[in-house]
N, C-alpha and C. Protein backbone atom coordinates (compact mmCIF):
# COMPACT_ATOMS: atom_id res chain seq x y z
N MET A 1 9.44 -40.03 -9.47
CA MET A 1 10.27 -40.04 -10.66
C MET A 1 9.80 -38.99 -11.66
N ALA A 2 8.47 -39.07 -11.93
CA ALA A 2 7.85 -38.16 -12.90
C ALA A 2 7.97 -36.74 -12.46
N ASP A 3 7.83 -36.51 -11.15
CA ASP A 3 7.99 -35.14 -10.64
C ASP A 3 9.38 -34.61 -10.86
N LYS A 4 10.36 -35.45 -10.77
CA LYS A 4 11.72 -35.01 -11.00
C LYS A 4 11.93 -34.69 -12.50
N GLN A 5 11.33 -35.46 -13.38
CA GLN A 5 11.48 -35.11 -14.82
C GLN A 5 10.75 -33.88 -15.19
N VAL A 6 9.61 -33.58 -14.55
CA VAL A 6 8.93 -32.28 -14.81
C VAL A 6 9.75 -31.14 -14.30
N ASN A 7 10.40 -31.30 -13.18
CA ASN A 7 11.26 -30.24 -12.63
C ASN A 7 12.43 -29.98 -13.62
N GLN A 8 13.04 -31.06 -14.10
CA GLN A 8 14.11 -30.95 -15.07
C GLN A 8 13.67 -30.22 -16.35
N ALA A 9 12.49 -30.64 -16.83
CA ALA A 9 11.97 -30.01 -18.04
C ALA A 9 11.72 -28.52 -17.79
N GLN A 10 11.18 -28.19 -16.60
CA GLN A 10 10.88 -26.79 -16.34
C GLN A 10 12.14 -25.99 -16.20
N ILE A 11 13.25 -26.56 -15.68
CA ILE A 11 14.48 -25.90 -15.53
C ILE A 11 15.09 -25.67 -16.92
N ILE A 12 15.03 -26.66 -17.77
CA ILE A 12 15.50 -26.50 -19.17
C ILE A 12 14.74 -25.43 -19.90
N TRP A 13 13.43 -25.43 -19.72
CA TRP A 13 12.60 -24.35 -20.34
C TRP A 13 12.99 -22.96 -19.80
N ALA A 14 13.24 -22.84 -18.55
CA ALA A 14 13.56 -21.59 -17.96
C ALA A 14 14.94 -21.07 -18.54
N VAL A 15 15.89 -21.94 -18.66
CA VAL A 15 17.17 -21.61 -19.21
C VAL A 15 17.03 -21.23 -20.69
N ALA A 16 16.15 -21.98 -21.41
CA ALA A 16 15.92 -21.57 -22.81
C ALA A 16 15.29 -20.19 -22.98
N LEU A 17 14.34 -19.85 -22.04
CA LEU A 17 13.77 -18.50 -22.10
C LEU A 17 14.78 -17.45 -21.81
N ILE A 18 15.67 -17.65 -20.85
CA ILE A 18 16.73 -16.69 -20.57
C ILE A 18 17.67 -16.56 -21.73
N LEU A 19 18.07 -17.63 -22.35
CA LEU A 19 18.96 -17.61 -23.52
C LEU A 19 18.32 -16.93 -24.73
N ALA A 20 17.02 -17.13 -24.86
CA ALA A 20 16.24 -16.46 -25.93
C ALA A 20 16.29 -14.93 -25.72
N GLY A 21 16.00 -14.57 -24.47
CA GLY A 21 16.02 -13.11 -24.16
C GLY A 21 17.36 -12.49 -24.42
N LEU A 22 18.42 -13.21 -23.97
CA LEU A 22 19.78 -12.66 -24.28
C LEU A 22 20.03 -12.57 -25.70
N GLY A 23 19.56 -13.56 -26.46
CA GLY A 23 19.67 -13.56 -27.95
C GLY A 23 19.02 -12.35 -28.56
N VAL A 24 17.84 -11.99 -28.06
CA VAL A 24 17.15 -10.81 -28.53
C VAL A 24 18.02 -9.56 -28.30
N PHE A 25 18.56 -9.44 -27.14
CA PHE A 25 19.42 -8.25 -26.80
C PHE A 25 20.66 -8.23 -27.70
N TYR A 26 21.19 -9.39 -28.03
CA TYR A 26 22.38 -9.49 -28.94
C TYR A 26 22.03 -9.09 -30.35
N ARG A 27 20.86 -9.48 -30.84
CA ARG A 27 20.50 -9.22 -32.22
C ARG A 27 19.95 -7.84 -32.52
N ILE A 28 19.47 -7.11 -31.51
CA ILE A 28 18.83 -5.83 -31.78
C ILE A 28 19.75 -4.90 -32.47
N PRO A 29 20.99 -4.70 -32.07
CA PRO A 29 21.86 -3.73 -32.73
C PRO A 29 22.18 -4.18 -34.19
N GLN A 30 22.12 -5.45 -34.48
CA GLN A 30 22.41 -5.91 -35.81
C GLN A 30 21.24 -5.80 -36.73
N VAL A 31 20.00 -5.97 -36.19
CA VAL A 31 18.80 -5.93 -37.06
C VAL A 31 18.20 -4.58 -37.23
N MET A 32 18.35 -3.69 -36.22
CA MET A 32 17.70 -2.37 -36.32
C MET A 32 18.11 -1.55 -37.51
N PRO A 33 19.39 -1.44 -37.90
CA PRO A 33 19.72 -0.72 -39.15
C PRO A 33 19.02 -1.21 -40.42
N THR A 34 18.78 -2.52 -40.47
CA THR A 34 18.08 -3.07 -41.60
C THR A 34 16.60 -2.63 -41.60
N ILE A 35 16.03 -2.63 -40.38
CA ILE A 35 14.58 -2.26 -40.23
C ILE A 35 14.45 -0.79 -40.52
N GLU A 36 15.40 0.04 -40.09
CA GLU A 36 15.34 1.48 -40.30
C GLU A 36 15.41 1.89 -41.73
N GLN A 37 16.00 0.99 -42.60
CA GLN A 37 16.10 1.32 -44.05
C GLN A 37 14.77 1.11 -44.75
N ILE A 38 13.83 0.42 -44.18
CA ILE A 38 12.47 0.27 -44.83
C ILE A 38 11.71 1.48 -44.56
N PRO A 39 11.33 2.19 -45.62
CA PRO A 39 10.67 3.49 -45.48
C PRO A 39 9.40 3.45 -44.56
N ARG A 40 8.65 2.41 -44.65
CA ARG A 40 7.41 2.31 -43.80
C ARG A 40 7.73 2.27 -42.34
N PHE A 41 8.83 1.70 -41.95
CA PHE A 41 9.15 1.50 -40.52
C PHE A 41 10.08 2.60 -40.02
N GLU A 42 10.62 3.44 -40.90
CA GLU A 42 11.60 4.45 -40.48
C GLU A 42 11.13 5.36 -39.39
N ALA A 43 9.89 5.83 -39.47
CA ALA A 43 9.37 6.75 -38.49
C ALA A 43 9.11 6.07 -37.12
N ALA A 44 8.84 4.77 -37.21
CA ALA A 44 8.47 4.05 -35.96
C ALA A 44 9.68 3.25 -35.35
N SER A 45 10.90 3.58 -35.82
CA SER A 45 12.05 2.78 -35.39
C SER A 45 12.29 2.85 -33.84
N GLY A 46 11.98 3.94 -33.20
CA GLY A 46 12.10 3.99 -31.77
C GLY A 46 11.15 3.09 -31.05
N PHE A 47 9.89 3.02 -31.56
CA PHE A 47 8.87 2.18 -30.94
C PHE A 47 9.25 0.72 -31.21
N ILE A 48 9.71 0.39 -32.40
CA ILE A 48 10.12 -0.97 -32.70
C ILE A 48 11.31 -1.39 -31.84
N ARG A 49 12.24 -0.53 -31.59
CA ARG A 49 13.37 -0.86 -30.73
C ARG A 49 12.86 -1.07 -29.35
N PHE A 50 11.96 -0.23 -28.85
CA PHE A 50 11.42 -0.40 -27.51
C PHE A 50 10.70 -1.79 -27.41
N CYS A 51 9.94 -2.15 -28.42
CA CYS A 51 9.23 -3.42 -28.32
C CYS A 51 10.23 -4.56 -28.33
N PHE A 52 11.27 -4.52 -29.10
CA PHE A 52 12.23 -5.60 -29.06
C PHE A 52 12.92 -5.74 -27.67
N TYR A 53 13.27 -4.62 -27.07
CA TYR A 53 13.88 -4.66 -25.70
C TYR A 53 12.81 -5.18 -24.70
N PHE A 54 11.60 -4.71 -24.87
CA PHE A 54 10.57 -5.25 -23.97
C PHE A 54 10.39 -6.75 -24.08
N ILE A 55 10.38 -7.34 -25.27
CA ILE A 55 10.25 -8.74 -25.42
C ILE A 55 11.47 -9.42 -24.79
N GLY A 56 12.67 -8.88 -24.98
CA GLY A 56 13.88 -9.49 -24.40
C GLY A 56 13.70 -9.48 -22.85
N ILE A 57 13.28 -8.37 -22.31
CA ILE A 57 13.11 -8.30 -20.80
C ILE A 57 12.06 -9.28 -20.34
N PHE A 58 10.99 -9.43 -21.05
CA PHE A 58 9.98 -10.40 -20.69
C PHE A 58 10.48 -11.80 -20.77
N LEU A 59 11.27 -12.19 -21.76
CA LEU A 59 11.80 -13.52 -21.80
C LEU A 59 12.78 -13.82 -20.70
N ILE A 60 13.65 -12.89 -20.39
CA ILE A 60 14.64 -13.06 -19.31
C ILE A 60 13.85 -13.12 -17.96
N GLY A 61 12.95 -12.17 -17.75
CA GLY A 61 12.19 -12.13 -16.49
C GLY A 61 11.42 -13.43 -16.30
N GLY A 62 10.72 -13.91 -17.34
CA GLY A 62 9.97 -15.15 -17.24
C GLY A 62 10.82 -16.34 -16.92
N GLY A 63 12.01 -16.45 -17.55
CA GLY A 63 12.88 -17.52 -17.24
C GLY A 63 13.50 -17.48 -15.82
N CYS A 64 13.81 -16.28 -15.35
CA CYS A 64 14.30 -16.11 -13.95
C CYS A 64 13.19 -16.42 -12.97
N LYS A 65 11.96 -16.04 -13.31
CA LYS A 65 10.86 -16.32 -12.39
C LYS A 65 10.65 -17.81 -12.26
N LYS A 66 10.67 -18.53 -13.41
CA LYS A 66 10.52 -19.95 -13.46
C LYS A 66 11.61 -20.68 -12.70
N LEU A 67 12.82 -20.24 -12.85
CA LEU A 67 13.94 -20.83 -12.10
C LEU A 67 13.82 -20.56 -10.61
N PHE A 68 13.43 -19.43 -10.28
CA PHE A 68 13.24 -19.03 -8.87
C PHE A 68 12.18 -19.98 -8.20
N HIS A 69 11.05 -20.14 -8.91
CA HIS A 69 9.98 -20.98 -8.38
C HIS A 69 10.34 -22.48 -8.32
N GLN A 70 11.18 -22.91 -9.24
CA GLN A 70 11.56 -24.33 -9.27
C GLN A 70 12.53 -24.58 -8.09
N TYR A 71 13.46 -23.71 -7.88
CA TYR A 71 14.43 -23.88 -6.77
C TYR A 71 13.76 -23.62 -5.41
N ARG A 72 12.85 -22.77 -5.36
CA ARG A 72 12.03 -22.55 -4.13
C ARG A 72 11.21 -23.76 -3.74
N ARG A 73 10.65 -24.42 -4.77
CA ARG A 73 9.84 -25.59 -4.63
C ARG A 73 10.66 -26.76 -4.13
N LYS A 74 11.91 -26.82 -4.62
CA LYS A 74 12.81 -27.95 -4.24
C LYS A 74 13.07 -27.96 -2.82
N GLY A 75 13.16 -26.82 -2.14
CA GLY A 75 13.48 -26.70 -0.74
C GLY A 75 12.38 -27.19 0.19
N ARG A 76 11.16 -27.28 -0.35
CA ARG A 76 10.00 -27.77 0.49
C ARG A 76 9.98 -29.29 0.47
N PRO A 77 9.54 -29.90 1.59
CA PRO A 77 9.45 -31.34 1.63
C PRO A 77 8.31 -31.89 0.83
């Protein structure tokens, strides 16, 4: 029973990671113009944009990896 709860918690966490990554991708176009208006960050806007996309990819990739491992583990006896 406890193993089943852990698996459910891991699946919920994986979905949360994927949704957070998608949220990052959704917010980047809305937030970047505001960041580019700050004089100190204006020159580094390309690097900042890259970092945001990198974080989004990491979140989605981590969630997908966690889901893959959970469903792969379920198939084993």
